[in-house]
């Protein structure tokens, strides 16, 4: 192909493994489907790529403490509940937005590791309560400190004003999307 007629595509193709692969994808769709406005890919595609990168960077810290992302989430949810650092399994599932089945597996692994205990709920004979052990409390305090340090490092690539502006935009977008409900789009 003669790239002299496509200066923008040529510019992006010089860096196929660079940070802006989304621009390559947009250019290809624009070429193949000029009837569609593919500009949303610029925002949504980049957010997907950024989210994947952030997850990978955050997971490295969890792994340093022998935790999966889900296990870290459970311990953090118990810790921020405040003393005595306990919740019912259903509450944990609701706070972490996973199914109760997935939560049971996470709790099983954490209990085997001595990081949480299960006991009957005092006000409900059928209910159970999950609580941090002393070892679990020590671990999540140390892991969360490292996690926050890591998040500061990741966010340091933006200036303070940029971070505030981005958070403001994300809050507005999230609230509007949630207010609109599911749309059943044609994706």
N, C-alpha and C. Protein backbone atom coordinates (compact mmCIF):
# COMPACT_ATOMS: atom_id res chain seq x y z
N UNK A 1 0.84 -1.18 0.00
CA UNK A 1 0.00 0.00 0.00
C UNK A 1 0.88 1.24 0.00
N UNK A 2 0.52 2.25 -0.72
CA UNK A 2 1.28 3.48 -0.79
C UNK A 2 0.82 4.39 0.34
N UNK A 3 1.65 4.50 1.40
CA UNK A 3 1.27 5.27 2.58
C UNK A 3 1.35 6.76 2.35
N UNK A 4 1.89 7.21 1.22
CA UNK A 4 1.96 8.65 0.99
C UNK A 4 0.57 9.28 0.93
N UNK A 5 -0.43 8.45 0.57
CA UNK A 5 -1.79 8.97 0.50
C UNK A 5 -2.52 8.88 1.83
N UNK A 6 -1.88 8.27 2.85
CA UNK A 6 -2.51 8.09 4.16
C UNK A 6 -1.52 8.50 5.25
N UNK A 7 -1.22 9.80 5.38
CA UNK A 7 -0.19 10.22 6.33
C UNK A 7 -0.50 9.85 7.77
N UNK A 8 -1.77 9.89 8.17
CA UNK A 8 -2.10 9.58 9.57
C UNK A 8 -1.91 8.10 9.85
N UNK A 9 -2.35 7.25 8.92
CA UNK A 9 -2.15 5.82 9.12
C UNK A 9 -0.67 5.49 9.16
N UNK A 10 0.12 6.12 8.31
CA UNK A 10 1.55 5.86 8.27
C UNK A 10 2.19 6.25 9.61
N UNK A 11 1.77 7.39 10.14
CA UNK A 11 2.32 7.84 11.41
C UNK A 11 2.07 6.80 12.50
N UNK A 12 0.86 6.24 12.57
CA UNK A 12 0.54 5.27 13.61
C UNK A 12 1.20 3.93 13.33
N UNK A 13 1.31 3.54 12.08
CA UNK A 13 1.87 2.23 11.77
C UNK A 13 3.37 2.17 12.05
N UNK A 14 4.01 3.32 12.20
CA UNK A 14 5.42 3.30 12.57
C UNK A 14 5.62 2.75 13.97
N UNK A 15 4.57 2.78 14.80
CA UNK A 15 4.68 2.33 16.17
C UNK A 15 3.58 1.32 16.48
N UNK A 16 3.58 0.16 15.81
CA UNK A 16 2.47 -0.79 16.00
C UNK A 16 2.37 -1.33 17.42
N UNK A 17 3.46 -1.33 18.18
CA UNK A 17 3.39 -1.83 19.54
C UNK A 17 3.36 -0.71 20.57
N UNK A 18 3.15 0.51 20.10
CA UNK A 18 3.13 1.67 21.00
C UNK A 18 1.84 1.74 21.78
N UNK A 19 1.71 2.83 22.54
CA UNK A 19 0.57 2.99 23.44
C UNK A 19 -0.72 3.27 22.69
N UNK A 20 -0.64 3.63 21.39
CA UNK A 20 -1.85 4.06 20.71
C UNK A 20 -2.32 3.07 19.65
N UNK A 21 -2.38 1.82 20.02
CA UNK A 21 -2.90 0.81 19.10
C UNK A 21 -4.38 1.05 18.80
N UNK A 22 -5.06 1.74 19.70
CA UNK A 22 -6.48 2.06 19.47
C UNK A 22 -6.62 2.89 18.20
N UNK A 23 -5.68 3.80 17.97
CA UNK A 23 -5.73 4.62 16.76
C UNK A 23 -5.59 3.75 15.51
N UNK A 24 -4.77 2.71 15.59
CA UNK A 24 -4.65 1.78 14.46
C UNK A 24 -5.97 1.07 14.20
N UNK A 25 -6.61 0.63 15.28
CA UNK A 25 -7.89 -0.07 15.16
C UNK A 25 -8.95 0.86 14.57
N UNK A 26 -8.98 2.10 15.07
CA UNK A 26 -9.93 3.08 14.53
C UNK A 26 -9.69 3.31 13.04
N UNK A 27 -8.43 3.47 12.66
CA UNK A 27 -8.11 3.73 11.25
C UNK A 27 -8.54 2.56 10.38
N UNK A 28 -8.33 1.33 10.87
CA UNK A 28 -8.73 0.15 10.09
C UNK A 28 -10.24 0.09 9.93
N UNK A 29 -10.98 0.36 11.01
CA UNK A 29 -12.44 0.36 10.91
C UNK A 29 -12.94 1.49 10.02
N UNK A 30 -12.29 2.64 10.10
CA UNK A 30 -12.68 3.77 9.25
C UNK A 30 -12.48 3.41 7.78
N UNK A 31 -11.39 2.69 7.51
CA UNK A 31 -11.13 2.25 6.13
C UNK A 31 -12.17 1.21 5.68
N UNK A 32 -12.46 0.25 6.57
CA UNK A 32 -13.35 -0.86 6.21
C UNK A 32 -14.83 -0.49 6.29
N UNK A 33 -15.18 0.41 7.22
CA UNK A 33 -16.58 0.80 7.41
C UNK A 33 -16.70 2.31 7.50
N UNK A 34 -16.41 3.02 6.39
CA UNK A 34 -16.48 4.48 6.42
C UNK A 34 -17.88 5.01 6.71
N UNK A 35 -18.89 4.13 6.64
CA UNK A 35 -20.26 4.54 6.91
C UNK A 35 -20.53 4.69 8.41
N UNK A 36 -19.62 4.20 9.27
CA UNK A 36 -19.83 4.26 10.72
C UNK A 36 -18.90 5.29 11.36
N UNK A 37 -19.42 5.99 12.34
CA UNK A 37 -18.61 6.90 13.15
C UNK A 37 -17.99 6.07 14.28
N UNK A 38 -16.71 5.75 14.15
CA UNK A 38 -16.05 4.90 15.14
C UNK A 38 -15.31 5.72 16.21
N UNK A 39 -15.63 6.99 16.33
CA UNK A 39 -14.94 7.83 17.31
C UNK A 39 -15.09 7.33 18.76
N UNK A 40 -16.22 6.67 19.16
CA UNK A 40 -16.29 6.17 20.54
C UNK A 40 -15.17 5.20 20.90
N UNK A 41 -14.63 4.51 19.89
CA UNK A 41 -13.51 3.60 20.17
C UNK A 41 -12.33 4.36 20.79
N UNK A 42 -12.18 5.62 20.45
CA UNK A 42 -11.08 6.40 20.98
C UNK A 42 -11.13 6.52 22.49
N UNK A 43 -12.33 6.64 23.04
CA UNK A 43 -12.48 6.73 24.49
C UNK A 43 -12.62 5.35 25.10
N UNK A 44 -13.57 4.57 24.63
CA UNK A 44 -13.88 3.29 25.26
C UNK A 44 -12.75 2.29 25.04
N UNK A 45 -12.18 2.25 23.86
CA UNK A 45 -11.05 1.35 23.60
C UNK A 45 -9.87 1.67 24.49
N UNK A 46 -9.58 2.95 24.64
CA UNK A 46 -8.45 3.34 25.49
C UNK A 46 -8.73 3.03 26.96
N UNK A 47 -9.99 3.22 27.40
CA UNK A 47 -10.33 2.87 28.78
C UNK A 47 -10.17 1.38 29.02
N UNK A 48 -10.57 0.55 28.07
CA UNK A 48 -10.40 -0.90 28.21
C UNK A 48 -8.93 -1.26 28.34
N UNK A 49 -8.10 -0.68 27.48
CA UNK A 49 -6.67 -0.97 27.53
C UNK A 49 -6.05 -0.47 28.83
N UNK A 50 -6.46 0.71 29.27
CA UNK A 50 -5.94 1.27 30.51
C UNK A 50 -6.38 0.43 31.70
N UNK A 51 -7.64 0.00 31.72
CA UNK A 51 -8.14 -0.83 32.82
C UNK A 51 -7.36 -2.13 32.91
N UNK A 52 -7.08 -2.75 31.77
CA UNK A 52 -6.32 -4.00 31.77
C UNK A 52 -4.91 -3.76 32.32
N UNK A 53 -4.30 -2.66 31.91
CA UNK A 53 -2.95 -2.34 32.39
C UNK A 53 -2.96 -2.07 33.89
N UNK A 54 -3.95 -1.30 34.36
CA UNK A 54 -4.03 -0.99 35.79
C UNK A 54 -4.25 -2.26 36.61
N UNK A 55 -5.12 -3.14 36.14
CA UNK A 55 -5.38 -4.40 36.85
C UNK A 55 -4.10 -5.20 36.97
N UNK A 56 -3.34 -5.28 35.87
CA UNK A 56 -2.07 -6.03 35.90
C UNK A 56 -1.11 -5.41 36.91
N UNK A 57 -1.04 -4.09 36.96
CA UNK A 57 -0.13 -3.40 37.89
C UNK A 57 -0.57 -3.59 39.35
N UNK A 58 -1.89 -3.55 39.60
CA UNK A 58 -2.40 -3.72 40.95
C UNK A 58 -2.23 -5.16 41.43
N UNK A 59 -2.44 -6.10 40.53
CA UNK A 59 -2.35 -7.51 40.87
C UNK A 59 -0.95 -7.90 41.33
N UNK A 60 0.06 -7.23 40.79
CA UNK A 60 1.43 -7.52 41.21
C UNK A 60 1.61 -7.31 42.72
N UNK A 61 0.97 -6.27 43.25
CA UNK A 61 1.07 -6.02 44.69
C UNK A 61 0.33 -7.09 45.47
N UNK A 62 -0.87 -7.46 45.03
CA UNK A 62 -1.64 -8.49 45.73
C UNK A 62 -0.83 -9.79 45.79
N UNK A 63 -0.21 -10.15 44.66
CA UNK A 63 0.54 -11.39 44.59
C UNK A 63 1.73 -11.39 45.56
N UNK A 64 2.31 -10.21 45.77
CA UNK A 64 3.43 -10.10 46.70
C UNK A 64 3.02 -10.53 48.10
N UNK A 65 1.73 -10.41 48.40
CA UNK A 65 1.21 -10.81 49.72
C UNK A 65 0.47 -12.14 49.66
N UNK A 66 0.65 -12.86 48.57
CA UNK A 66 0.05 -14.19 48.44
C UNK A 66 -1.45 -14.17 48.22
N UNK A 67 -1.96 -13.06 47.68
CA UNK A 67 -3.40 -12.91 47.52
C UNK A 67 -3.78 -12.75 46.05
N UNK A 68 -4.94 -13.27 45.71
CA UNK A 68 -5.54 -12.96 44.41
C UNK A 68 -6.26 -11.63 44.55
N UNK A 69 -6.70 -11.08 43.43
CA UNK A 69 -7.45 -9.83 43.47
C UNK A 69 -8.72 -9.99 44.32
N UNK A 70 -9.41 -11.12 44.14
CA UNK A 70 -10.64 -11.36 44.89
C UNK A 70 -10.42 -11.52 46.37
N UNK A 71 -9.33 -12.20 46.74
CA UNK A 71 -9.02 -12.39 48.16
C UNK A 71 -8.66 -11.06 48.81
N UNK A 72 -7.88 -10.24 48.11
CA UNK A 72 -7.55 -8.91 48.60
C UNK A 72 -8.84 -8.13 48.84
N UNK A 73 -9.76 -8.22 47.89
CA UNK A 73 -11.04 -7.50 47.98
C UNK A 73 -11.82 -7.90 49.22
N UNK A 74 -11.86 -9.21 49.52
CA UNK A 74 -12.58 -9.69 50.71
C UNK A 74 -11.93 -9.16 51.98
N UNK A 75 -10.62 -9.29 52.09
CA UNK A 75 -9.92 -8.82 53.28
C UNK A 75 -10.09 -7.31 53.46
N UNK A 76 -10.01 -6.57 52.35
CA UNK A 76 -10.16 -5.11 52.42
C UNK A 76 -11.58 -4.73 52.84
N UNK A 77 -12.57 -5.47 52.36
CA UNK A 77 -13.96 -5.20 52.73
C UNK A 77 -14.18 -5.44 54.22
N UNK A 78 -13.60 -6.53 54.75
CA UNK A 78 -13.70 -6.79 56.18
C UNK A 78 -12.97 -5.72 56.99
N UNK A 79 -11.80 -5.30 56.51
CA UNK A 79 -11.00 -4.32 57.25
C UNK A 79 -11.71 -2.97 57.34
N UNK A 80 -12.30 -2.54 56.23
CA UNK A 80 -12.92 -1.21 56.25
C UNK A 80 -14.29 -1.23 56.94
N UNK A 81 -14.77 -2.43 57.32
CA UNK A 81 -16.00 -2.52 58.11
C UNK A 81 -15.76 -2.00 59.52
N UNK A 82 -14.49 -1.93 59.93
CA UNK A 82 -14.16 -1.50 61.29
C UNK A 82 -14.30 -2.66 62.26
N UNK A 83 -13.75 -2.46 63.45
CA UNK A 83 -13.79 -3.52 64.47
C UNK A 83 -15.23 -3.92 64.74
N UNK A 84 -15.52 -5.20 64.85
CA UNK A 84 -14.61 -6.35 64.93
C UNK A 84 -14.26 -6.97 63.57
N UNK A 85 -14.33 -6.21 62.50
CA UNK A 85 -13.88 -6.65 61.17
C UNK A 85 -14.59 -7.91 60.70
N UNK A 86 -15.92 -7.84 60.67
CA UNK A 86 -16.69 -9.01 60.25
C UNK A 86 -17.93 -8.59 59.47
N UNK A 87 -18.36 -9.53 58.62
CA UNK A 87 -19.59 -9.35 57.83
C UNK A 87 -20.16 -10.72 57.52
N UNK A 88 -21.44 -10.74 57.23
CA UNK A 88 -22.06 -11.97 56.75
C UNK A 88 -21.58 -12.23 55.32
N UNK A 89 -21.49 -13.49 54.89
CA UNK A 89 -21.04 -13.78 53.53
C UNK A 89 -21.87 -13.06 52.46
N UNK A 90 -23.17 -12.94 52.68
CA UNK A 90 -24.01 -12.25 51.70
C UNK A 90 -23.65 -10.78 51.59
N UNK A 91 -23.33 -10.16 52.73
CA UNK A 91 -22.90 -8.77 52.71
C UNK A 91 -21.57 -8.63 51.96
N UNK A 92 -20.66 -9.57 52.19
CA UNK A 92 -19.38 -9.54 51.48
C UNK A 92 -19.61 -9.63 49.98
N UNK A 93 -20.50 -10.52 49.57
CA UNK A 93 -20.79 -10.68 48.14
C UNK A 93 -21.36 -9.39 47.57
N UNK A 94 -22.26 -8.75 48.31
CA UNK A 94 -22.87 -7.51 47.83
C UNK A 94 -21.83 -6.39 47.74
N UNK A 95 -20.96 -6.30 48.73
CA UNK A 95 -19.96 -5.23 48.76
C UNK A 95 -18.88 -5.42 47.69
N UNK A 96 -18.66 -6.66 47.27
CA UNK A 96 -17.62 -6.92 46.28
C UNK A 96 -18.20 -7.26 44.91
N UNK A 97 -19.52 -7.29 44.81
CA UNK A 97 -20.22 -7.51 43.55
C UNK A 97 -19.84 -8.82 42.87
N UNK A 98 -19.82 -9.90 43.66
CA UNK A 98 -19.64 -11.24 43.09
C UNK A 98 -20.79 -12.11 43.58
N UNK A 99 -20.94 -13.27 42.96
CA UNK A 99 -21.99 -14.19 43.39
C UNK A 99 -21.63 -14.79 44.74
N UNK A 100 -22.65 -15.29 45.43
CA UNK A 100 -22.38 -15.92 46.73
C UNK A 100 -21.53 -17.17 46.55
N UNK A 101 -21.68 -17.88 45.43
CA UNK A 101 -20.86 -19.06 45.18
C UNK A 101 -19.38 -18.70 45.05
N UNK A 102 -19.10 -17.64 44.30
CA UNK A 102 -17.72 -17.18 44.16
C UNK A 102 -17.18 -16.71 45.50
N UNK A 103 -18.02 -16.06 46.29
CA UNK A 103 -17.59 -15.58 47.61
C UNK A 103 -17.25 -16.74 48.52
N UNK A 104 -18.04 -17.80 48.48
CA UNK A 104 -17.77 -18.98 49.31
C UNK A 104 -16.39 -19.54 49.01
N UNK A 105 -16.02 -19.61 47.75
CA UNK A 105 -14.69 -20.13 47.37
C UNK A 105 -13.58 -19.22 47.89
N UNK A 106 -13.79 -17.91 47.80
CA UNK A 106 -12.78 -16.98 48.31
C UNK A 106 -12.62 -17.14 49.82
N UNK A 107 -13.75 -17.23 50.53
CA UNK A 107 -13.70 -17.38 51.98
C UNK A 107 -13.03 -18.69 52.36
N UNK A 108 -13.34 -19.77 51.63
CA UNK A 108 -12.71 -21.06 51.89
C UNK A 108 -11.19 -20.95 51.83
N UNK A 109 -10.67 -20.30 50.77
CA UNK A 109 -9.22 -20.17 50.60
C UNK A 109 -8.61 -19.32 51.71
N UNK A 110 -9.29 -18.23 52.06
CA UNK A 110 -8.78 -17.36 53.12
C UNK A 110 -8.82 -18.04 54.48
N UNK A 111 -9.85 -18.86 54.71
CA UNK A 111 -9.94 -19.59 55.98
C UNK A 111 -8.82 -20.63 56.07
N UNK A 112 -8.57 -21.33 54.97
CA UNK A 112 -7.47 -22.30 54.95
C UNK A 112 -6.13 -21.62 55.23
N UNK A 113 -5.99 -20.38 54.80
CA UNK A 113 -4.76 -19.63 55.03
C UNK A 113 -4.69 -18.97 56.40
N UNK A 114 -5.72 -19.17 57.23
CA UNK A 114 -5.71 -18.61 58.58
C UNK A 114 -5.95 -17.11 58.63
N UNK A 115 -6.52 -16.55 57.55
CA UNK A 115 -6.72 -15.10 57.48
C UNK A 115 -8.12 -14.66 57.89
N UNK A 116 -9.09 -15.58 57.81
CA UNK A 116 -10.45 -15.30 58.27
C UNK A 116 -10.98 -16.51 59.03
N UNK A 117 -12.01 -16.27 59.83
CA UNK A 117 -12.71 -17.37 60.49
C UNK A 117 -14.19 -17.23 60.18
N UNK A 118 -14.89 -18.36 60.27
CA UNK A 118 -16.35 -18.35 60.16
C UNK A 118 -16.92 -18.76 61.52
N UNK A 119 -18.02 -18.13 61.87
CA UNK A 119 -18.71 -18.53 63.10
C UNK A 119 -20.20 -18.28 62.92
N UNK A 120 -21.02 -18.94 63.73
CA UNK A 120 -22.47 -18.68 63.64
C UNK A 120 -22.78 -17.24 64.04
N UNK A 121 -23.75 -16.65 63.37
CA UNK A 121 -24.20 -15.30 63.72
C UNK A 121 -24.94 -15.36 65.06
N UNK A 122 -24.71 -14.37 65.90
CA UNK A 122 -25.31 -14.39 67.24
C UNK A 122 -26.82 -14.22 67.19
N UNK A 123 -27.33 -13.47 66.20
CA UNK A 123 -28.77 -13.18 66.17
C UNK A 123 -29.52 -14.01 65.13
N UNK A 124 -28.82 -15.00 64.52
CA UNK A 124 -29.46 -15.83 63.48
C UNK A 124 -28.78 -17.18 63.48
N UNK A 125 -29.47 -18.20 64.00
CA UNK A 125 -28.86 -19.52 64.14
C UNK A 125 -28.41 -20.09 62.80
N UNK A 126 -29.13 -19.73 61.72
CA UNK A 126 -28.77 -20.28 60.40
C UNK A 126 -27.67 -19.48 59.74
N UNK A 127 -27.48 -18.23 60.19
CA UNK A 127 -26.53 -17.35 59.54
C UNK A 127 -25.10 -17.59 59.99
N UNK A 128 -24.18 -17.10 59.19
CA UNK A 128 -22.76 -17.21 59.50
C UNK A 128 -22.15 -15.81 59.43
N UNK A 129 -21.03 -15.65 60.10
CA UNK A 129 -20.28 -14.40 60.07
C UNK A 129 -18.84 -14.74 59.71
N UNK A 130 -18.26 -13.92 58.85
CA UNK A 130 -16.86 -14.07 58.47
C UNK A 130 -16.10 -12.92 59.11
N UNK A 131 -14.98 -13.24 59.77
CA UNK A 131 -14.22 -12.20 60.47
C UNK A 131 -12.73 -12.35 60.18
N UNK A 132 -12.03 -11.23 60.19
CA UNK A 132 -10.58 -11.27 60.06
C UNK A 132 -9.96 -11.89 61.31
N UNK A 133 -8.94 -12.70 61.12
CA UNK A 133 -8.12 -13.15 62.24
C UNK A 133 -7.06 -12.08 62.49
N UNK A 134 -6.29 -12.24 63.56
CA UNK A 134 -5.20 -11.29 63.80
C UNK A 134 -4.21 -11.30 62.64
N UNK A 135 -3.94 -12.51 62.13
CA UNK A 135 -3.01 -12.61 60.99
C UNK A 135 -3.60 -11.93 59.76
N UNK A 136 -4.91 -12.09 59.56
CA UNK A 136 -5.58 -11.45 58.42
C UNK A 136 -5.55 -9.94 58.53
N UNK A 137 -5.75 -9.43 59.74
CA UNK A 137 -5.72 -7.99 59.97
C UNK A 137 -4.33 -7.43 59.69
N UNK A 138 -3.29 -8.12 60.19
CA UNK A 138 -1.91 -7.66 59.94
C UNK A 138 -1.60 -7.68 58.45
N UNK A 139 -2.02 -8.75 57.77
CA UNK A 139 -1.71 -8.88 56.34
C UNK A 139 -2.41 -7.81 55.52
N UNK A 140 -3.71 -7.58 55.76
CA UNK A 140 -4.42 -6.61 54.92
C UNK A 140 -3.94 -5.20 55.21
N UNK A 141 -3.56 -4.90 56.46
CA UNK A 141 -3.03 -3.57 56.73
C UNK A 141 -1.73 -3.34 55.96
N UNK A 142 -0.87 -4.34 55.94
CA UNK A 142 0.39 -4.22 55.21
C UNK A 142 0.14 -4.17 53.70
N UNK A 143 -0.72 -5.07 53.21
CA UNK A 143 -1.01 -5.14 51.78
C UNK A 143 -1.72 -3.87 51.29
N UNK A 144 -2.64 -3.34 52.10
CA UNK A 144 -3.36 -2.15 51.68
C UNK A 144 -2.45 -0.93 51.64
N UNK A 145 -1.52 -0.86 52.57
CA UNK A 145 -0.53 0.23 52.54
C UNK A 145 0.26 0.19 51.23
N UNK A 146 0.70 -1.00 50.85
CA UNK A 146 1.44 -1.15 49.58
C UNK A 146 0.54 -0.85 48.39
N UNK A 147 -0.72 -1.25 48.48
CA UNK A 147 -1.69 -1.02 47.40
C UNK A 147 -1.89 0.49 47.17
N UNK A 148 -2.08 1.24 48.25
CA UNK A 148 -2.29 2.68 48.11
C UNK A 148 -1.02 3.36 47.56
N UNK A 149 0.14 2.91 48.01
CA UNK A 149 1.40 3.44 47.49
C UNK A 149 1.48 3.18 45.98
N UNK A 150 1.07 1.99 45.58
CA UNK A 150 1.09 1.61 44.16
C UNK A 150 0.11 2.48 43.36
N UNK A 151 -1.08 2.73 43.91
CA UNK A 151 -2.05 3.57 43.21
C UNK A 151 -1.54 5.00 43.06
N UNK A 152 -0.87 5.51 44.09
CA UNK A 152 -0.25 6.84 43.98
C UNK A 152 0.78 6.85 42.85
N UNK A 153 1.58 5.78 42.77
CA UNK A 153 2.58 5.69 41.70
C UNK A 153 1.92 5.71 40.33
N UNK A 154 0.86 4.93 40.18
CA UNK A 154 0.17 4.86 38.89
C UNK A 154 -0.46 6.19 38.52
N UNK A 155 -1.02 6.87 39.49
CA UNK A 155 -1.69 8.14 39.22
C UNK A 155 -0.70 9.29 39.05
N UNK A 156 0.55 9.08 39.46
CA UNK A 156 1.55 10.15 39.36
C UNK A 156 1.88 10.51 37.91
N UNK A 157 1.42 9.69 36.97
CA UNK A 157 1.63 10.01 35.56
C UNK A 157 0.71 11.13 35.09
N UNK A 158 -0.24 11.51 35.94
CA UNK A 158 -1.11 12.66 35.68
C UNK A 158 -0.76 13.76 36.67
N UNK A 159 -0.94 15.00 36.27
CA UNK A 159 -0.81 16.10 37.20
C UNK A 159 -2.01 16.13 38.12
N UNK A 160 -1.91 16.81 39.26
CA UNK A 160 -3.04 16.86 40.20
C UNK A 160 -4.33 17.38 39.57
N UNK A 161 -4.23 18.43 38.76
CA UNK A 161 -5.42 18.98 38.10
C UNK A 161 -6.00 17.98 37.10
N UNK A 162 -5.13 17.26 36.40
CA UNK A 162 -5.60 16.25 35.44
C UNK A 162 -6.34 15.13 36.17
N UNK A 163 -5.79 14.70 37.32
CA UNK A 163 -6.43 13.62 38.08
C UNK A 163 -7.82 14.05 38.56
N UNK A 164 -7.93 15.27 39.06
CA UNK A 164 -9.23 15.77 39.54
C UNK A 164 -10.22 15.87 38.37
N UNK A 165 -9.74 16.39 37.23
CA UNK A 165 -10.62 16.53 36.06
C UNK A 165 -11.09 15.16 35.57
N UNK A 166 -10.17 14.19 35.55
CA UNK A 166 -10.54 12.85 35.09
C UNK A 166 -11.55 12.22 36.05
N UNK A 167 -11.31 12.35 37.35
CA UNK A 167 -12.25 11.78 38.32
C UNK A 167 -13.64 12.42 38.17
N UNK A 168 -13.68 13.72 37.97
CA UNK A 168 -14.95 14.44 37.80
C UNK A 168 -15.70 13.91 36.57
N UNK A 169 -14.98 13.75 35.46
CA UNK A 169 -15.59 13.22 34.24
C UNK A 169 -16.10 11.80 34.43
N UNK A 170 -15.29 10.96 35.08
CA UNK A 170 -15.69 9.57 35.29
C UNK A 170 -16.91 9.47 36.19
N UNK A 171 -16.97 10.29 37.23
CA UNK A 171 -18.14 10.30 38.11
C UNK A 171 -19.39 10.69 37.33
N UNK A 172 -19.28 11.76 36.53
CA UNK A 172 -20.44 12.23 35.76
C UNK A 172 -20.90 11.16 34.78
N UNK A 173 -19.96 10.54 34.08
CA UNK A 173 -20.30 9.52 33.09
C UNK A 173 -20.95 8.32 33.77
N UNK A 174 -20.36 7.88 34.87
CA UNK A 174 -20.91 6.73 35.59
C UNK A 174 -22.33 7.01 36.08
N UNK A 175 -22.55 8.18 36.67
CA UNK A 175 -23.89 8.52 37.18
C UNK A 175 -24.91 8.58 36.05
N UNK A 176 -24.53 9.15 34.92
CA UNK A 176 -25.47 9.25 33.80
C UNK A 176 -25.78 7.89 33.20
N UNK A 177 -24.75 7.04 33.08
CA UNK A 177 -24.98 5.70 32.55
C UNK A 177 -25.88 4.90 33.48
N UNK A 178 -25.60 4.97 34.79
CA UNK A 178 -26.42 4.22 35.74
C UNK A 178 -27.83 4.76 35.81
N UNK A 179 -27.98 6.07 35.64
CA UNK A 179 -29.31 6.67 35.62
C UNK A 179 -30.11 6.28 34.39
N UNK A 180 -29.39 6.03 33.28
CA UNK A 180 -30.05 5.67 32.03
C UNK A 180 -30.51 4.22 32.04
N UNK A 181 -29.87 3.38 32.88
CA UNK A 181 -30.22 1.96 32.91
C UNK A 181 -29.73 1.25 31.66
N UNK A 182 -29.99 -0.07 31.58
CA UNK A 182 -29.56 -0.83 30.40
C UNK A 182 -30.31 -0.36 29.16
N UNK A 183 -29.58 -0.24 28.05
CA UNK A 183 -30.21 0.26 26.84
C UNK A 183 -30.46 -0.80 25.79
N UNK A 184 -29.86 -1.97 25.98
CA UNK A 184 -30.05 -3.03 24.97
C UNK A 184 -29.49 -2.61 23.63
N UNK A 185 -28.35 -1.95 23.64
CA UNK A 185 -27.73 -1.47 22.40
C UNK A 185 -27.38 -2.58 21.46
N UNK A 186 -26.97 -2.19 20.26
CA UNK A 186 -26.72 -3.19 19.22
C UNK A 186 -25.27 -3.63 19.19
N UNK A 187 -24.36 -3.00 20.03
CA UNK A 187 -22.95 -3.36 20.13
C UNK A 187 -22.57 -4.34 19.16
